[in-house]
PDB file of N, CA and C in Angstrom:
ATOM      1  N   MET A   1      76.980  17.592  15.654  1.00  0.00           N
ATOM      2  CA  MET A   1      77.599  18.863  15.420  1.00  0.00           C
ATOM      3  C   MET A   1      76.866  19.605  14.300  1.00  0.00           C
ATOM      4  N   ASN A   2      76.414  18.887  13.348  1.00  0.00           N
ATOM      5  CA  ASN A   2      75.733  19.483  12.217  1.00  0.00           C
ATOM      6  C   ASN A   2      74.439  20.191  12.667  1.00  0.00           C
ATOM      7  N   ASP A   3      73.727  19.628  13.635  1.00  0.00           N
ATOM      8  CA  ASP A   3      72.510  20.239  14.147  1.00  0.00           C
ATOM      9  C   ASP A   3      72.801  21.565  14.836  1.00  0.00           C
ATOM     10  N   LEU A   4      73.895  21.637  15.534  1.00  0.00           N
ATOM     11  CA  LEU A   4      74.260  22.871  16.208  1.00  0.00           C
ATOM     12  C   LEU A   4      74.557  23.977  15.208  1.00  0.00           C
ATOM     13  N   MET A   5      75.122  23.646  14.113  1.00  0.00           N
ATOM     14  CA  MET A   5      75.433  24.639  13.093  1.00  0.00           C
ATOM     15  C   MET A   5      74.144  25.196  12.490  1.00  0.00           C
ATOM     16  N   ARG A   6      73.160  24.330  12.229  1.00  0.00           N
ATOM     17  CA  ARG A   6      71.898  24.790  11.660  1.00  0.00           C
ATOM     18  C   ARG A   6      71.118  25.659  12.653  1.00  0.00           C
ATOM     19  N   LEU A   7      71.179  25.311  13.913  1.00  0.00           N
ATOM     20  CA  LEU A   7      70.496  26.067  14.939  1.00  0.00           C
ATOM     21  C   LEU A   7      71.055  27.477  15.027  1.00  0.00           C
ATOM     22  N   HIS A   8      72.324  27.606  14.908  1.00  0.00           N
ATOM     23  CA  HIS A   8      72.982  28.903  14.991  1.00  0.00           C
ATOM     24  C   HIS A   8      72.700  29.761  13.760  1.00  0.00           C
ATOM     25  N   LEU A   9      72.495  29.153  12.635  1.00  0.00           N
ATOM     26  CA  LEU A   9      72.308  29.890  11.390  1.00  0.00           C
ATOM     27  C   LEU A   9      70.844  30.271  11.120  1.00  0.00           C
ATOM     28  N   LYS A  10      69.942  29.880  12.000  1.00  0.00           N
ATOM     29  CA  LYS A  10      68.522  30.177  11.799  1.00  0.00           C
ATOM     30  C   LYS A  10      68.301  31.688  11.900  1.00  0.00           C
ATOM     31  N   PRO A  11      67.621  32.296  10.931  1.00  0.00           N
ATOM     32  CA  PRO A  11      67.413  33.749  10.957  1.00  0.00           C
ATOM     33  C   PRO A  11      66.495  34.149  12.121  1.00  0.00           C
ATOM     34  N   GLN A  12      66.722  35.321  12.685  1.00  0.00           N
ATOM     35  CA  GLN A  12      65.977  35.806  13.841  1.00  0.00           C
ATOM     36  C   GLN A  12      64.607  36.378  13.450  1.00  0.00           C
ATOM     37  N   SER A  13      64.359  36.640  12.212  1.00  0.00           N
ATOM     38  CA  SER A  13      63.105  37.267  11.795  1.00  0.00           C
ATOM     39  C   SER A  13      61.920  36.300  11.834  1.00  0.00           C
ATOM     40  N   GLU A  14      62.117  35.048  12.158  1.00  0.00           N
ATOM     41  CA  GLU A  14      61.033  34.083  12.186  1.00  0.00           C
ATOM     42  C   GLU A  14      60.338  34.001  13.542  1.00  0.00           C
ATOM     43  N   ILE A  15      60.644  34.858  14.460  1.00  0.00           N
ATOM     44  CA  ILE A  15      60.007  34.824  15.770  1.00  0.00           C
ATOM     45  C   ILE A  15      58.578  35.343  15.622  1.00  0.00           C
ATOM     46  N   VAL A  16      57.640  34.541  16.085  1.00  0.00           N
ATOM     47  CA  VAL A  16      56.227  34.883  15.980  1.00  0.00           C
ATOM     48  C   VAL A  16      55.662  35.018  17.389  1.00  0.00           C
ATOM     49  N   VAL A  17      55.005  36.102  17.617  1.00  0.00           N
ATOM     50  CA  VAL A  17      54.344  36.316  18.908  1.00  0.00           C
ATOM     51  C   VAL A  17      52.851  36.266  18.673  1.00  0.00           C
ATOM     52  N   ARG A  18      52.185  35.399  19.396  1.00  0.00           N
ATOM     53  CA  ARG A  18      50.735  35.268  19.246  1.00  0.00           C
ATOM     54  C   ARG A  18      50.048  35.959  20.426  1.00  0.00           C
ATOM     55  N   LEU A  19      49.180  36.884  20.113  1.00  0.00           N
ATOM     56  CA  LEU A  19      48.423  37.593  21.130  1.00  0.00           C
ATOM     57  C   LEU A  19      47.071  36.930  21.298  1.00  0.00           C
ATOM     58  N   PRO A  20      46.500  37.008  22.484  1.00  0.00           N
ATOM     59  CA  PRO A  20      45.173  36.411  22.672  1.00  0.00           C
ATOM     60  C   PRO A  20      44.130  37.154  21.846  1.00  0.00           C
ATOM     61  N   PHE A  21      43.118  36.423  21.443  1.00  0.00           N
ATOM     62  CA  PHE A  21      42.034  37.001  20.665  1.00  0.00           C
ATOM     63  C   PHE A  21      41.250  37.968  21.546  1.00  0.00           C
ATOM     64  N   LEU A  22      41.073  39.177  21.070  1.00  0.00           N
ATOM     65  CA  LEU A  22      40.296  40.168  21.803  1.00  0.00           C
ATOM     66  C   LEU A  22      38.925  40.290  21.160  1.00  0.00           C
ATOM     67  N   HIS A  23      37.916  40.108  21.978  1.00  0.00           N
ATOM     68  CA  HIS A  23      36.542  40.186  21.504  1.00  0.00           C
ATOM     69  C   HIS A  23      36.220  41.642  21.169  1.00  0.00           C
ATOM     70  N   PRO A  24      35.515  41.904  20.057  1.00  0.00           N
ATOM     71  CA  PRO A  24      35.210  43.291  19.704  1.00  0.00           C
ATOM     72  C   PRO A  24      34.335  43.991  20.749  1.00  0.00           C
ATOM     73  N   LYS A  25      33.534  43.241  21.481  1.00  0.00           N
ATOM     74  CA  LYS A  25      32.728  43.794  22.571  1.00  0.00           C
ATOM     75  C   LYS A  25      33.080  43.012  23.839  1.00  0.00           C
ATOM     76  N   PRO A  26      34.086  43.442  24.573  1.00  0.00           N
ATOM     77  CA  PRO A  26      34.511  42.669  25.739  1.00  0.00           C
ATOM     78  C   PRO A  26      33.446  42.633  26.826  1.00  0.00           C
ATOM     79  N   GLN A  27      33.347  41.504  27.461  1.00  0.00           N
ATOM     80  CA  GLN A  27      32.424  41.328  28.572  1.00  0.00           C
ATOM     81  C   GLN A  27      33.198  41.551  29.860  1.00  0.00           C
ATOM     82  N   THR A  28      32.915  42.618  30.561  1.00  0.00           N
ATOM     83  CA  THR A  28      33.665  42.940  31.769  1.00  0.00           C
ATOM     84  C   THR A  28      33.085  42.287  33.010  1.00  0.00           C
ATOM     85  N   GLY A  29      31.864  41.828  32.948  1.00  0.00           N
ATOM     86  CA  GLY A  29      31.242  41.238  34.120  1.00  0.00           C
ATOM     87  C   GLY A  29      30.549  42.279  34.983  1.00  0.00           C
ATOM     88  N   VAL A  30      30.613  43.533  34.595  1.00  0.00           N
ATOM     89  CA  VAL A  30      29.961  44.595  35.347  1.00  0.00           C
ATOM     90  C   VAL A  30      28.701  44.987  34.596  1.00  0.00           C
ATOM     91  N   PHE A  31      27.592  44.831  35.236  1.00  0.00           N
ATOM     92  CA  PHE A  31      26.325  45.158  34.612  1.00  0.00           C
ATOM     93  C   PHE A  31      25.619  46.195  35.472  1.00  0.00           C
ATOM     94  N   PHE A  32      25.058  47.173  34.847  1.00  0.00           N
ATOM     95  CA  PHE A  32      24.349  48.222  35.560  1.00  0.00           C
ATOM     96  C   PHE A  32      22.860  48.011  35.394  1.00  0.00           C
ATOM     97  N   LYS A  33      22.155  48.079  36.509  1.00  0.00           N
ATOM     98  CA  LYS A  33      20.714  47.986  36.454  1.00  0.00           C
ATOM     99  C   LYS A  33      20.152  49.357  36.103  1.00  0.00           C
ATOM    100  N   ALA A  34      19.017  49.342  35.499  1.00  0.00           N
ATOM    101  CA  ALA A  34      18.343  50.610  35.238  1.00  0.00           C
ATOM    102  C   ALA A  34      18.005  51.246  36.575  1.00  0.00           C
ATOM    103  N   ALA A  35      18.040  52.553  36.622  1.00  0.00           N
ATOM    104  CA  ALA A  35      17.756  53.255  37.871  1.00  0.00           C
ATOM    105  C   ALA A  35      16.355  52.905  38.341  1.00  0.00           C
ATOM    106  N   SER A  36      16.265  52.528  39.604  1.00  0.00           N
ATOM    107  CA  SER A  36      14.959  52.173  40.142  1.00  0.00           C
ATOM    108  C   SER A  36      14.186  53.458  40.443  1.00  0.00           C
ATOM    109  N   PRO A  37      12.898  53.415  40.291  1.00  0.00           N
ATOM    110  CA  PRO A  37      12.118  54.613  40.568  1.00  0.00           C
ATOM    111  C   PRO A  37      12.178  54.940  42.063  1.00  0.00           C
ATOM    112  N   PRO A  38      12.061  56.192  42.418  1.00  0.00           N
ATOM    113  CA  PRO A  38      12.094  56.532  43.834  1.00  0.00           C
ATOM    114  C   PRO A  38      10.908  55.906  44.552  1.00  0.00           C
ATOM    115  N   PRO A  39      11.066  55.601  45.832  1.00  0.00           N
ATOM    116  CA  PRO A  39       9.958  54.959  46.546  1.00  0.00           C
ATOM    117  C   PRO A  39       8.764  55.899  46.665  1.00  0.00           C
ATOM    118  N   ALA A  40       7.588  55.311  46.713  1.00  0.00           N
ATOM    119  CA  ALA A  40       6.378  56.114  46.875  1.00  0.00           C
ATOM    120  C   ALA A  40       6.414  56.758  48.254  1.00  0.00           C
ATOM    121  N   MET A  41       6.062  58.010  48.326  1.00  0.00           N
ATOM    122  CA  MET A  41       6.096  58.718  49.602  1.00  0.00           C
ATOM    123  C   MET A  41       5.003  58.170  50.504  1.00  0.00           C
ATOM    124  N   LYS A  42       5.414  57.785  51.706  1.00  0.00           N
ATOM    125  CA  LYS A  42       4.483  57.170  52.644  1.00  0.00           C
ATOM    126  C   LYS A  42       3.997  58.156  53.695  1.00  0.00           C
ATOM    127  N   GLY A  43       4.719  59.250  53.893  1.00  0.00           N
ATOM    128  CA  GLY A  43       4.270  60.225  54.884  1.00  0.00           C
ATOM    129  C   GLY A  43       5.436  60.836  55.631  1.00  0.00           C
ATOM    130  N   ASP A  44       5.100  61.556  56.687  1.00  0.00           N
ATOM    131  CA  ASP A  44       6.104  62.225  57.504  1.00  0.00           C
ATOM    132  C   ASP A  44       6.519  61.321  58.658  1.00  0.00           C
ATOM    133  N   LEU A  45       7.774  61.463  59.042  1.00  0.00           N
ATOM    134  CA  LEU A  45       8.326  60.700  60.149  1.00  0.00           C
ATOM    135  C   LEU A  45       8.847  61.711  61.162  1.00  0.00           C
ATOM    136  N   LEU A  46       8.227  61.780  62.322  1.00  0.00           N
ATOM    137  CA  LEU A  46       8.614  62.731  63.352  1.00  0.00           C
ATOM    138  C   LEU A  46       9.688  62.100  64.229  1.00  0.00           C
ATOM    139  N   VAL A  47      10.883  62.692  64.210  1.00  0.00           N
ATOM    140  CA  VAL A  47      12.010  62.150  64.971  1.00  0.00           C
ATOM    141  C   VAL A  47      12.705  63.272  65.736  1.00  0.00           C
ATOM    142  N   SER A  48      13.391  62.897  66.807  1.00  0.00           N
ATOM    143  CA  SER A  48      14.192  63.866  67.556  1.00  0.00           C
ATOM    144  C   SER A  48      15.640  63.740  67.104  1.00  0.00           C
ATOM    145  N   ASP A  49      16.473  64.655  67.591  1.00  0.00           N
ATOM    146  CA  ASP A  49      17.896  64.597  67.245  1.00  0.00           C
ATOM    147  C   ASP A  49      18.605  63.445  67.940  1.00  0.00           C
ATOM    148  N   HIS A  50      17.955  62.809  68.887  1.00  0.00           N
ATOM    149  CA  HIS A  50      18.579  61.731  69.656  1.00  0.00           C
ATOM    150  C   HIS A  50      17.974  60.368  69.327  1.00  0.00           C
ATOM    151  N   THR A  51      17.457  60.201  68.132  1.00  0.00           N
ATOM    152  CA  THR A  51      16.853  58.933  67.716  1.00  0.00           C
ATOM    153  C   THR A  51      17.951  57.917  67.449  1.00  0.00           C
ATOM    154  N   THR A  52      17.821  56.736  68.069  1.00  0.00           N
ATOM    155  CA  THR A  52      18.830  55.690  67.891  1.00  0.00           C
ATOM    156  C   THR A  52      18.499  54.857  66.650  1.00  0.00           C
ATOM    157  N   VAL A  53      19.452  54.046  66.273  1.00  0.00           N
ATOM    158  CA  VAL A  53      19.278  53.158  65.116  1.00  0.00           C
ATOM    159  C   VAL A  53      18.120  52.213  65.362  1.00  0.00           C
ATOM    160  N   LYS A  54      18.022  51.681  66.574  1.00  0.00           N
ATOM    161  CA  LYS A  54      16.953  50.735  66.909  1.00  0.00           C
ATOM    162  C   LYS A  54      15.584  51.418  66.817  1.00  0.00           C
ATOM    163  N   GLU A  55      15.477  52.638  67.319  1.00  0.00           N
ATOM    164  CA  GLU A  55      14.207  53.366  67.257  1.00  0.00           C
ATOM    165  C   GLU A  55      13.840  53.710  65.815  1.00  0.00           C
ATOM    166  N   LEU A  56      14.823  54.125  65.042  1.00  0.00           N
ATOM    167  CA  LEU A  56      14.564  54.442  63.637  1.00  0.00           C
ATOM    168  C   LEU A  56      14.105  53.205  62.869  1.00  0.00           C
ATOM    169  N   ALA A  57      14.710  52.081  63.164  1.00  0.00           N
ATOM    170  CA  ALA A  57      14.304  50.832  62.508  1.00  0.00           C
ATOM    171  C   ALA A  57      12.851  50.499  62.827  1.00  0.00           C
ATOM    172  N   ALA A  58      12.472  50.692  64.084  1.00  0.00           N
ATOM    173  CA  ALA A  58      11.088  50.414  64.477  1.00  0.00           C
ATOM    174  C   ALA A  58      10.123  51.370  63.776  1.00  0.00           C
ATOM    175  N   LEU A  59      10.502  52.634  63.653  1.00  0.00           N
ATOM    176  CA  LEU A  59       9.633  53.609  62.990  1.00  0.00           C
ATOM    177  C   LEU A  59       9.478  53.319  61.498  1.00  0.00           C
ATOM    178  N   LEU A  60      10.554  52.829  60.885  1.00  0.00           N
ATOM    179  CA  LEU A  60      10.523  52.560  59.446  1.00  0.00           C
ATOM    180  C   LEU A  60      10.023  51.155  59.108  1.00  0.00           C
ATOM    181  N   GLY A  61       9.852  50.316  60.120  1.00  0.00           N
ATOM    182  CA  GLY A  61       9.419  48.937  59.869  1.00  0.00           C
ATOM    183  C   GLY A  61      10.520  48.081  59.264  1.00  0.00           C
ATOM    184  N   GLN A  62      11.772  48.374  59.616  1.00  0.00           N
ATOM    185  CA  GLN A  62      12.926  47.635  59.106  1.00  0.00           C
ATOM    186  C   GLN A  62      13.658  46.965  60.257  1.00  0.00           C
ATOM    187  N   LYS A  63      14.542  46.055  59.922  1.00  0.00           N
ATOM    188  CA  LYS A  63      15.410  45.427  60.925  1.00  0.00           C
ATOM    189  C   LYS A  63      16.551  46.396  61.251  1.00  0.00           C
ATOM    190  N   PRO A  64      17.007  46.414  62.495  1.00  0.00           N
ATOM    191  CA  PRO A  64      18.097  47.330  62.860  1.00  0.00           C
ATOM    192  C   PRO A  64      19.363  47.149  62.026  1.00  0.00           C
ATOM    193  N   PHE A  65      19.702  45.912  61.656  1.00  0.00           N
ATOM    194  CA  PHE A  65      20.925  45.709  60.864  1.00  0.00           C
ATOM    195  C   PHE A  65      20.818  46.380  59.496  1.00  0.00           C
ATOM    196  N   GLN A  66      19.596  46.502  58.963  1.00  0.00           N
ATOM    197  CA  GLN A  66      19.421  47.170  57.676  1.00  0.00           C
ATOM    198  C   GLN A  66      19.686  48.668  57.810  1.00  0.00           C
ATOM    199  N   ILE A  67      19.280  49.252  58.923  1.00  0.00           N
ATOM    200  CA  ILE A  67      19.524  50.673  59.154  1.00  0.00           C
ATOM    201  C   ILE A  67      21.024  50.903  59.375  1.00  0.00           C
ATOM    202  N   VAL A  68      21.681  49.969  60.065  1.00  0.00           N
ATOM    203  CA  VAL A  68      23.140  50.054  60.236  1.00  0.00           C
ATOM    204  C   VAL A  68      23.814  50.009  58.871  1.00  0.00           C
ATOM    205  N   ALA A  69      23.368  49.136  57.990  1.00  0.00           N
ATOM    206  CA  ALA A  69      23.941  49.045  56.637  1.00  0.00           C
ATOM    207  C   ALA A  69      23.684  50.322  55.843  1.00  0.00           C
ATOM    208  N   ASP A  70      22.492  50.894  55.988  1.00  0.00           N
ATOM    209  CA  ASP A  70      22.195  52.158  55.297  1.00  0.00           C
ATOM    210  C   ASP A  70      23.091  53.273  55.808  1.00  0.00           C
ATOM    211  N   ALA A  71      23.332  53.297  57.115  1.00  0.00           N
ATOM    212  CA  ALA A  71      24.223  54.310  57.693  1.00  0.00           C
ATOM    213  C   ALA A  71      25.658  54.110  57.198  1.00  0.00           C
ATOM    214  N   MET A  72      26.073  52.858  57.044  1.00  0.00           N
ATOM    215  CA  MET A  72      27.418  52.571  56.548  1.00  0.00           C
ATOM    216  C   MET A  72      27.584  53.076  55.117  1.00  0.00           C
ATOM    217  N   GLU A  73      26.539  53.016  54.314  1.00  0.00           N
ATOM    218  CA  GLU A  73      26.604  53.552  52.957  1.00  0.00           C
ATOM    219  C   GLU A  73      26.848  55.052  52.972  1.00  0.00           C
ATOM    220  N   LEU A  74      26.441  55.701  54.052  1.00  0.00           N
ATOM    221  CA  LEU A  74      26.659  57.138  54.209  1.00  0.00           C
ATOM    222  C   LEU A  74      27.995  57.450  54.876  1.00  0.00           C
ATOM    223  N   GLY A  75      28.731  56.409  55.241  1.00  0.00           N
ATOM    224  CA  GLY A  75      30.022  56.610  55.894  1.00  0.00           C
ATOM    225  C   GLY A  75      29.908  56.739  57.400  1.00  0.00           C
ATOM    226  N   ILE A  76      28.760  56.355  57.961  1.00  0.00           N
ATOM    227  CA  ILE A  76      28.535  56.422  59.404  1.00  0.00           C
ATOM    228  C   ILE A  76      28.557  55.005  59.946  1.00  0.00           C
ATOM    229  N   PHE A  77      29.482  54.749  60.861  1.00  0.00           N
ATOM    230  CA  PHE A  77      29.590  53.423  61.462  1.00  0.00           C
ATOM    231  C   PHE A  77      28.975  53.480  62.851  1.00  0.00           C
ATOM    232  N   ALA A  78      27.717  53.093  62.939  1.00  0.00           N
ATOM    233  CA  ALA A  78      26.959  53.200  64.184  1.00  0.00           C
ATOM    234  C   ALA A  78      26.512  51.814  64.626  1.00  0.00           C
ATOM    235  N   ASN A  79      26.404  51.657  65.946  1.00  0.00           N
ATOM    236  CA  ASN A  79      25.825  50.416  66.452  1.00  0.00           C
ATOM    237  C   ASN A  79      24.331  50.638  66.682  1.00  0.00           C
ATOM    238  N   VAL A  80      23.657  49.618  67.160  1.00  0.00           N
ATOM    239  CA  VAL A  80      22.198  49.643  67.280  1.00  0.00           C
ATOM    240  C   VAL A  80      21.734  50.681  68.298  1.00  0.00           C
ATOM    241  N   ASN A  81      22.514  50.912  69.344  1.00  0.00           N
ATOM    242  CA  ASN A  81      22.098  51.822  70.411  1.00  0.00           C
ATOM    243  C   ASN A  81      22.625  53.241  70.239  1.00  0.00           C
ATOM    244  N   GLN A  82      23.256  53.534  69.115  1.00  0.00           N
ATOM    245  CA  GLN A  82      23.846  54.847  68.888  1.00  0.00           C
ATOM    246  C   GLN A  82      22.853  55.775  68.199  1.00  0.00           C
ATOM    247  N   ALA A  83      22.853  57.032  68.624  1.00  0.00           N
ATOM    248  CA  ALA A  83      21.973  58.040  68.015  1.00  0.00           C
ATOM    249  C   ALA A  83      22.569  58.506  66.692  1.00  0.00           C
ATOM    250  N   LEU A  84      21.704  58.767  65.738  1.00  0.00           N
ATOM    251  CA  LEU A  84      22.119  59.261  64.429  1.00  0.00           C
ATOM    252  C   LEU A  84      21.804  60.754  64.332  1.00  0.00           C
ATOM    253  N   GLY A  85      22.538  61.452  63.515  1.00  0.00           N
ATOM    254  CA  GLY A  85      22.251  62.859  63.257  1.00  0.00           C
ATOM    255  C   GLY A  85      21.021  63.002  62.379  1.00  0.00           C
ATOM    256  N   PHE A  86      20.442  64.199  62.410  1.00  0.00           N
ATOM    257  CA  PHE A  86      19.202  64.403  61.659  1.00  0.00           C
ATOM    258  C   PHE A  86      19.400  64.247  60.155  1.00  0.00           C
ATOM    259  N   LYS A  87      20.542  64.702  59.627  1.00  0.00           N
ATOM    260  CA  LYS A  87      20.777  64.575  58.183  1.00  0.00           C
ATOM    261  C   LYS A  87      20.808  63.113  57.763  1.00  0.00           C
ATOM    262  N   ALA A  88      21.443  62.272  58.572  1.00  0.00           N
ATOM    263  CA  ALA A  88      21.500  60.841  58.263  1.00  0.00           C
ATOM    264  C   ALA A  88      20.112  60.216  58.361  1.00  0.00           C
ATOM    265  N   ILE A  89      19.372  60.612  59.400  1.00  0.00           N
ATOM    266  CA  ILE A  89      18.012  60.081  59.571  1.00  0.00           C
ATOM    267  C   ILE A  89      17.140  60.481  58.382  1.00  0.00           C
ATOM    268  N   ALA A  90      17.249  61.736  57.957  1.00  0.00           N
ATOM    269  CA  ALA A  90      16.444  62.210  56.828  1.00  0.00           C
ATOM    270  C   ALA A  90      16.792  61.448  55.545  1.00  0.00           C
ATOM    271  N   HIS A  91      18.076  61.175  55.339  1.00  0.00           N
ATOM    272  CA  HIS A  91      18.488  60.452  54.128  1.00  0.00           C
ATOM    273  C   HIS A  91      17.989  59.009  54.160  1.00  0.00           C
ATOM    274  N   ILE A  92      18.141  58.349  55.292  1.00  0.00           N
ATOM    275  CA  ILE A  92      17.694  56.952  55.412  1.00  0.00           C
ATOM    276  C   ILE A  92      16.177  56.878  55.308  1.00  0.00           C
ATOM    277  N   ALA A  93      15.466  57.804  55.951  1.00  0.00           N
ATOM    278  CA  ALA A  93      14.004  57.808  55.875  1.00  0.00           C
ATOM    279  C   ALA A  93      13.544  58.025  54.433  1.00  0.00           C
ATOM    280  N   GLY A  94      14.241  58.894  53.704  1.00  0.00           N
ATOM    281  CA  GLY A  94      13.897  59.127  52.300  1.00  0.00           C
ATOM    282  C   GLY A  94      14.057  57.891  51.445  1.00  0.00           C
ATOM    283  N   LYS A  95      15.019  57.051  51.812  1.00  0.00           N
ATOM    284  CA  LYS A  95      15.225  55.805  51.072  1.00  0.00           C
ATOM    285  C   LYS A  95      14.009  54.887  51.175  1.00  0.00           C
ATOM    286  N   TYR A  96      13.300  54.975  52.310  1.00  0.00           N
ATOM    287  CA  TYR A  96      12.138  54.119  52.536  1.00  0.00           C
ATOM    288  C   TYR A  96      10.812  54.837  52.285  1.00  0.00           C
ATOM    289  N   GLY A  97      10.878  56.038  51.706  1.00  0.00           N
ATOM    290  CA  GLY A  97       9.663  56.726  51.312  1.00  0.00           C
ATOM    291  C   GLY A  97       9.088  57.657  52.355  1.00  0.00           C
ATOM    292  N   TYR A  98       9.824  58.011  53.359  1.00  0.00           N
ATOM    293  CA  TYR A  98       9.327  58.916  54.402  1.00  0.00           C
ATOM    294  C   TYR A  98      10.065  60.252  54.347  1.00  0.00           C
ATOM    295  N   THR A  99       9.421  61.279  54.815  1.00  0.00           N
ATOM    296  CA  THR A  99      10.030  62.583  54.971  1.00  0.00           C
ATOM    297  C   THR A  99      10.252  62.807  56.455  1.00  0.00           C
ATOM    298  N   ALA A 100      11.493  62.993  56.862  1.00  0.00           N
ATOM    299  CA  ALA A 100      11.813  63.172  58.279  1.00  0.00           C
ATOM    300  C   ALA A 100      11.564  64.616  58.689  1.00  0.00           C
ATOM    301  N   LYS A 101      10.942  64.779  59.851  1.00  0.00           N
ATOM    302  CA  LYS A 101      10.711  66.104  60.418  1.00  0.00           C
ATOM    303  C   LYS A 101      11.104  66.061  61.880  1.00  0.00           C
ATOM    304  N   ARG A 102      11.729  67.155  62.327  1.00  0.00           N
ATOM    305  CA  ARG A 102      12.189  67.232  63.719  1.00  0.00           C
ATOM    306  C   ARG A 102      11.008  67.517  64.652  1.00  0.00           C
ATOM    307  N   THR A 103      11.075  66.871  65.805  1.00  0.00           N
ATOM    308  CA  THR A 103      10.144  67.208  66.873  1.00  0.00           C
ATOM    309  C   THR A 103      10.867  68.173  67.813  1.00  0.00           C
ATOM    310  N   GLU A 104      10.127  69.002  68.470  1.00  0.00           N
ATOM    311  CA  GLU A 104      10.737  69.990  69.391  1.00  0.00           C
ATOM    312  C   GLU A 104      11.053  69.372  70.719  1.00  0.00           C
TER     313      GLU A 104
END
């Protein structure tokens, strides 16, 4: 009974809250690479408005899945046999150092 009395009489101001140690320079795990230089210009790439992913890959010397991934970065979900628009072709070609030009 005596222990219960002491427990009840303990002052409330002794509550201690311990916070985790915060590092002055937190490591977030996100690292940014320095911007890579633009690719060296290799030349002009003559394409039509009906160029497919597979044809573009062959012209650029890349695998078709890489061109599909590049199109996905632009928000275009295309399969290997699907034609890309000229703006998308020009952007992807620029990534590999080519300047896209339309054929008539």
